Amino acid sequence: MEKKTIIVAPQDQGKRLDKFLSSLFTQISRTRIQQLIKEKKVFINQQPAPSVHYQIRANEQIVIFFPPPQPLKLTPE
């Protein structure tokens, strides 16, 4: 499982958690970010993120755990 740690800058204070994270991780959809928050894989100051609508504050530590990608199971026709 990959772990990313972010410290919120003062200029990012007041942004919604899901929108903030999706602006940092552009390769991941906002829907997937919201799903990770609901699955308790996003922590703020060592506590699970309360909701996708949470407004972040300056100097908060956000830790995200990205599960490994699932292999595709394709079967030939």
N, C-alpha and C. Protein backbone atom coordinates (compact mmCIF):
# COMPACT_ATOMS: atom_id res chain seq x y z
N MET A 1 0.85 -1.17 0.00
CA MET A 1 0.00 0.00 0.00
C MET A 1 0.90 1.24 0.00
N GLU A 2 0.66 2.13 -0.92
CA GLU A 2 1.44 3.35 -1.03
C GLU A 2 0.88 4.42 -0.09
N LYS A 3 1.79 5.16 0.56
CA LYS A 3 1.40 6.18 1.53
C LYS A 3 1.95 7.53 1.07
N LYS A 4 1.09 8.56 1.08
CA LYS A 4 1.48 9.92 0.74
C LYS A 4 1.12 10.83 1.91
N THR A 5 2.03 11.73 2.27
CA THR A 5 1.80 12.67 3.36
C THR A 5 1.88 14.08 2.82
N ILE A 6 0.92 14.92 3.22
CA ILE A 6 0.83 16.30 2.75
C ILE A 6 0.63 17.19 3.98
N ILE A 7 1.30 18.32 4.00
CA ILE A 7 1.06 19.36 5.00
C ILE A 7 0.32 20.49 4.30
N VAL A 8 -0.83 20.89 4.83
CA VAL A 8 -1.66 21.90 4.19
C VAL A 8 -1.00 23.28 4.33
N ALA A 9 -0.82 23.95 3.20
CA ALA A 9 -0.25 25.30 3.19
C ALA A 9 -1.32 26.32 3.59
N PRO A 10 -0.90 27.46 4.14
CA PRO A 10 -1.88 28.47 4.57
C PRO A 10 -2.82 28.92 3.45
N GLN A 11 -2.34 29.00 2.22
CA GLN A 11 -3.20 29.45 1.11
C GLN A 11 -4.26 28.42 0.72
N ASP A 12 -4.13 27.18 1.20
CA ASP A 12 -5.12 26.14 0.88
C ASP A 12 -6.18 26.00 1.96
N GLN A 13 -6.06 26.74 3.04
CA GLN A 13 -7.03 26.65 4.14
C GLN A 13 -8.43 26.98 3.63
N GLY A 14 -9.41 26.20 4.11
CA GLY A 14 -10.80 26.44 3.76
C GLY A 14 -11.28 25.66 2.55
N LYS A 15 -10.37 24.99 1.84
CA LYS A 15 -10.78 24.19 0.68
C LYS A 15 -11.39 22.88 1.15
N ARG A 16 -12.29 22.34 0.34
CA ARG A 16 -12.87 21.03 0.64
C ARG A 16 -11.80 19.96 0.46
N LEU A 17 -11.81 18.99 1.35
CA LEU A 17 -10.80 17.94 1.34
C LEU A 17 -10.74 17.21 0.01
N ASP A 18 -11.88 16.79 -0.52
CA ASP A 18 -11.86 16.00 -1.77
C ASP A 18 -11.35 16.83 -2.95
N LYS A 19 -11.75 18.09 -3.02
CA LYS A 19 -11.30 18.95 -4.12
C LYS A 19 -9.81 19.26 -4.00
N PHE A 20 -9.35 19.48 -2.78
CA PHE A 20 -7.93 19.74 -2.56
C PHE A 20 -7.09 18.55 -3.00
N LEU A 21 -7.47 17.35 -2.58
CA LEU A 21 -6.70 16.15 -2.92
C LEU A 21 -6.76 15.86 -4.42
N SER A 22 -7.91 16.07 -5.03
CA SER A 22 -8.00 15.80 -6.48
C SER A 22 -7.19 16.81 -7.28
N SER A 23 -6.96 18.02 -6.73
CA SER A 23 -6.11 18.99 -7.43
C SER A 23 -4.63 18.60 -7.31
N LEU A 24 -4.27 17.89 -6.26
CA LEU A 24 -2.89 17.43 -6.10
C LEU A 24 -2.61 16.16 -6.88
N PHE A 25 -3.55 15.25 -6.87
CA PHE A 25 -3.40 13.95 -7.54
C PHE A 25 -4.28 13.93 -8.79
N THR A 26 -3.84 14.61 -9.82
CA THR A 26 -4.66 14.78 -11.03
C THR A 26 -4.91 13.47 -11.77
N GLN A 27 -4.08 12.45 -11.54
CA GLN A 27 -4.26 11.17 -12.22
C GLN A 27 -5.36 10.32 -11.57
N ILE A 28 -5.88 10.78 -10.43
CA ILE A 28 -6.94 10.05 -9.72
C ILE A 28 -8.21 10.90 -9.76
N SER A 29 -9.33 10.27 -10.07
CA SER A 29 -10.59 11.02 -10.16
C SER A 29 -11.06 11.46 -8.77
N ARG A 30 -11.85 12.52 -8.74
CA ARG A 30 -12.39 13.00 -7.47
C ARG A 30 -13.32 11.96 -6.85
N THR A 31 -14.01 11.21 -7.68
CA THR A 31 -14.87 10.13 -7.17
C THR A 31 -14.05 9.09 -6.43
N ARG A 32 -12.88 8.75 -6.97
CA ARG A 32 -12.00 7.77 -6.32
C ARG A 32 -11.45 8.34 -5.00
N ILE A 33 -11.11 9.63 -5.00
CA ILE A 33 -10.65 10.29 -3.77
C ILE A 33 -11.75 10.23 -2.71
N GLN A 34 -12.99 10.53 -3.11
CA GLN A 34 -14.12 10.47 -2.17
C GLN A 34 -14.30 9.06 -1.63
N GLN A 35 -14.10 8.07 -2.48
CA GLN A 35 -14.23 6.68 -2.07
C GLN A 35 -13.15 6.33 -1.03
N LEU A 36 -11.92 6.80 -1.24
CA LEU A 36 -10.85 6.55 -0.28
C LEU A 36 -11.15 7.20 1.07
N ILE A 37 -11.75 8.39 1.04
CA ILE A 37 -12.12 9.07 2.29
C ILE A 37 -13.18 8.25 3.03
N LYS A 38 -14.18 7.79 2.30
CA LYS A 38 -15.26 6.99 2.92
C LYS A 38 -14.75 5.65 3.44
N GLU A 39 -13.72 5.10 2.79
CA GLU A 39 -13.13 3.82 3.22
C GLU A 39 -12.13 4.00 4.36
N LYS A 40 -12.02 5.22 4.89
CA LYS A 40 -11.11 5.54 6.00
C LYS A 40 -9.65 5.29 5.64
N LYS A 41 -9.29 5.64 4.41
CA LYS A 41 -7.90 5.54 3.97
C LYS A 41 -7.23 6.92 3.90
N VAL A 42 -7.95 7.96 4.36
CA VAL A 42 -7.42 9.32 4.43
C VAL A 42 -7.50 9.77 5.89
N PHE A 43 -6.36 10.23 6.40
CA PHE A 43 -6.27 10.65 7.79
C PHE A 43 -5.85 12.11 7.87
N ILE A 44 -6.43 12.82 8.83
CA ILE A 44 -6.06 14.21 9.10
C ILE A 44 -5.57 14.26 10.54
N ASN A 45 -4.31 14.65 10.72
CA ASN A 45 -3.70 14.68 12.05
C ASN A 45 -3.92 13.36 12.79
N GLN A 46 -3.68 12.27 12.10
CA GLN A 46 -3.73 10.90 12.63
C GLN A 46 -5.14 10.42 13.00
N GLN A 47 -6.16 11.11 12.54
CA GLN A 47 -7.55 10.69 12.74
C GLN A 47 -8.19 10.49 11.37
N PRO A 48 -9.08 9.51 11.22
CA PRO A 48 -9.76 9.35 9.93
C PRO A 48 -10.48 10.63 9.53
N ALA A 49 -10.41 10.98 8.27
CA ALA A 49 -11.08 12.18 7.77
C ALA A 49 -12.57 12.07 8.03
N PRO A 50 -13.20 13.11 8.59
CA PRO A 50 -14.62 13.03 8.96
C PRO A 50 -15.56 12.90 7.76
N SER A 51 -15.27 13.61 6.66
CA SER A 51 -16.14 13.52 5.48
C SER A 51 -15.44 14.13 4.29
N VAL A 52 -16.03 13.94 3.11
CA VAL A 52 -15.47 14.52 1.89
C VAL A 52 -15.62 16.03 1.88
N HIS A 53 -16.58 16.54 2.66
CA HIS A 53 -16.87 17.97 2.69
C HIS A 53 -16.03 18.73 3.72
N TYR A 54 -15.18 18.02 4.42
CA TYR A 54 -14.36 18.64 5.47
C TYR A 54 -13.53 19.78 4.89
N GLN A 55 -13.51 20.91 5.57
CA GLN A 55 -12.71 22.05 5.13
C GLN A 55 -11.36 22.01 5.85
N ILE A 56 -10.30 21.91 5.06
CA ILE A 56 -8.98 21.74 5.62
C ILE A 56 -8.48 23.05 6.24
N ARG A 57 -7.53 22.90 7.15
CA ARG A 57 -6.94 24.04 7.85
C ARG A 57 -5.43 24.05 7.62
N ALA A 58 -4.84 25.21 7.72
CA ALA A 58 -3.40 25.35 7.52
C ALA A 58 -2.63 24.48 8.51
N ASN A 59 -1.55 23.90 8.04
CA ASN A 59 -0.62 23.08 8.82
C ASN A 59 -1.17 21.73 9.26
N GLU A 60 -2.35 21.34 8.78
CA GLU A 60 -2.83 19.99 9.08
C GLU A 60 -2.02 18.99 8.26
N GLN A 61 -1.83 17.83 8.85
CA GLN A 61 -1.13 16.75 8.15
C GLN A 61 -2.17 15.79 7.59
N ILE A 62 -2.13 15.59 6.28
CA ILE A 62 -3.04 14.67 5.62
C ILE A 62 -2.22 13.48 5.13
N VAL A 63 -2.66 12.29 5.49
CA VAL A 63 -2.00 11.06 5.05
C VAL A 63 -3.01 10.25 4.26
N ILE A 64 -2.60 9.81 3.06
CA ILE A 64 -3.47 9.01 2.20
C ILE A 64 -2.80 7.67 1.95
N PHE A 65 -3.56 6.62 2.10
CA PHE A 65 -3.09 5.27 1.80
C PHE A 65 -3.75 4.81 0.51
N PHE A 66 -2.95 4.63 -0.52
CA PHE A 66 -3.45 4.16 -1.81
C PHE A 66 -3.28 2.65 -1.88
N PRO A 67 -4.37 1.90 -2.01
CA PRO A 67 -4.25 0.45 -2.14
C PRO A 67 -3.59 0.10 -3.47
N PRO A 68 -2.91 -1.04 -3.53
CA PRO A 68 -2.29 -1.43 -4.79
C PRO A 68 -3.35 -1.66 -5.86
N PRO A 69 -3.01 -1.38 -7.12
CA PRO A 69 -3.99 -1.59 -8.18
C PRO A 69 -4.36 -3.07 -8.32
N GLN A 70 -5.62 -3.29 -8.58
CA GLN A 70 -6.10 -4.66 -8.77
C GLN A 70 -5.81 -5.11 -10.20
N PRO A 71 -5.29 -6.31 -10.37
CA PRO A 71 -5.04 -6.78 -11.73
C PRO A 71 -6.37 -7.01 -12.48
N LEU A 72 -6.35 -6.69 -13.74
CA LEU A 72 -7.53 -6.92 -14.56
C LEU A 72 -7.66 -8.41 -14.86
N LYS A 73 -8.88 -8.88 -14.82
CA LYS A 73 -9.13 -10.29 -15.11
C LYS A 73 -9.91 -10.35 -16.43
N LEU A 74 -9.16 -10.41 -17.47
CA LEU A 74 -9.77 -10.48 -18.79
C LEU A 74 -9.77 -11.92 -19.28
N THR A 75 -10.88 -12.30 -19.85
CA THR A 75 -10.97 -13.64 -20.43
C THR A 75 -11.22 -13.51 -21.92
N PRO A 76 -10.50 -14.25 -22.72
CA PRO A 76 -10.71 -14.16 -24.17
C PRO A 76 -12.07 -14.74 -24.56
N GLU A 77 -12.62 -14.20 -25.61
CA GLU A 77 -13.91 -14.70 -26.11
C GLU A 77 -13.71 -15.89 -27.01
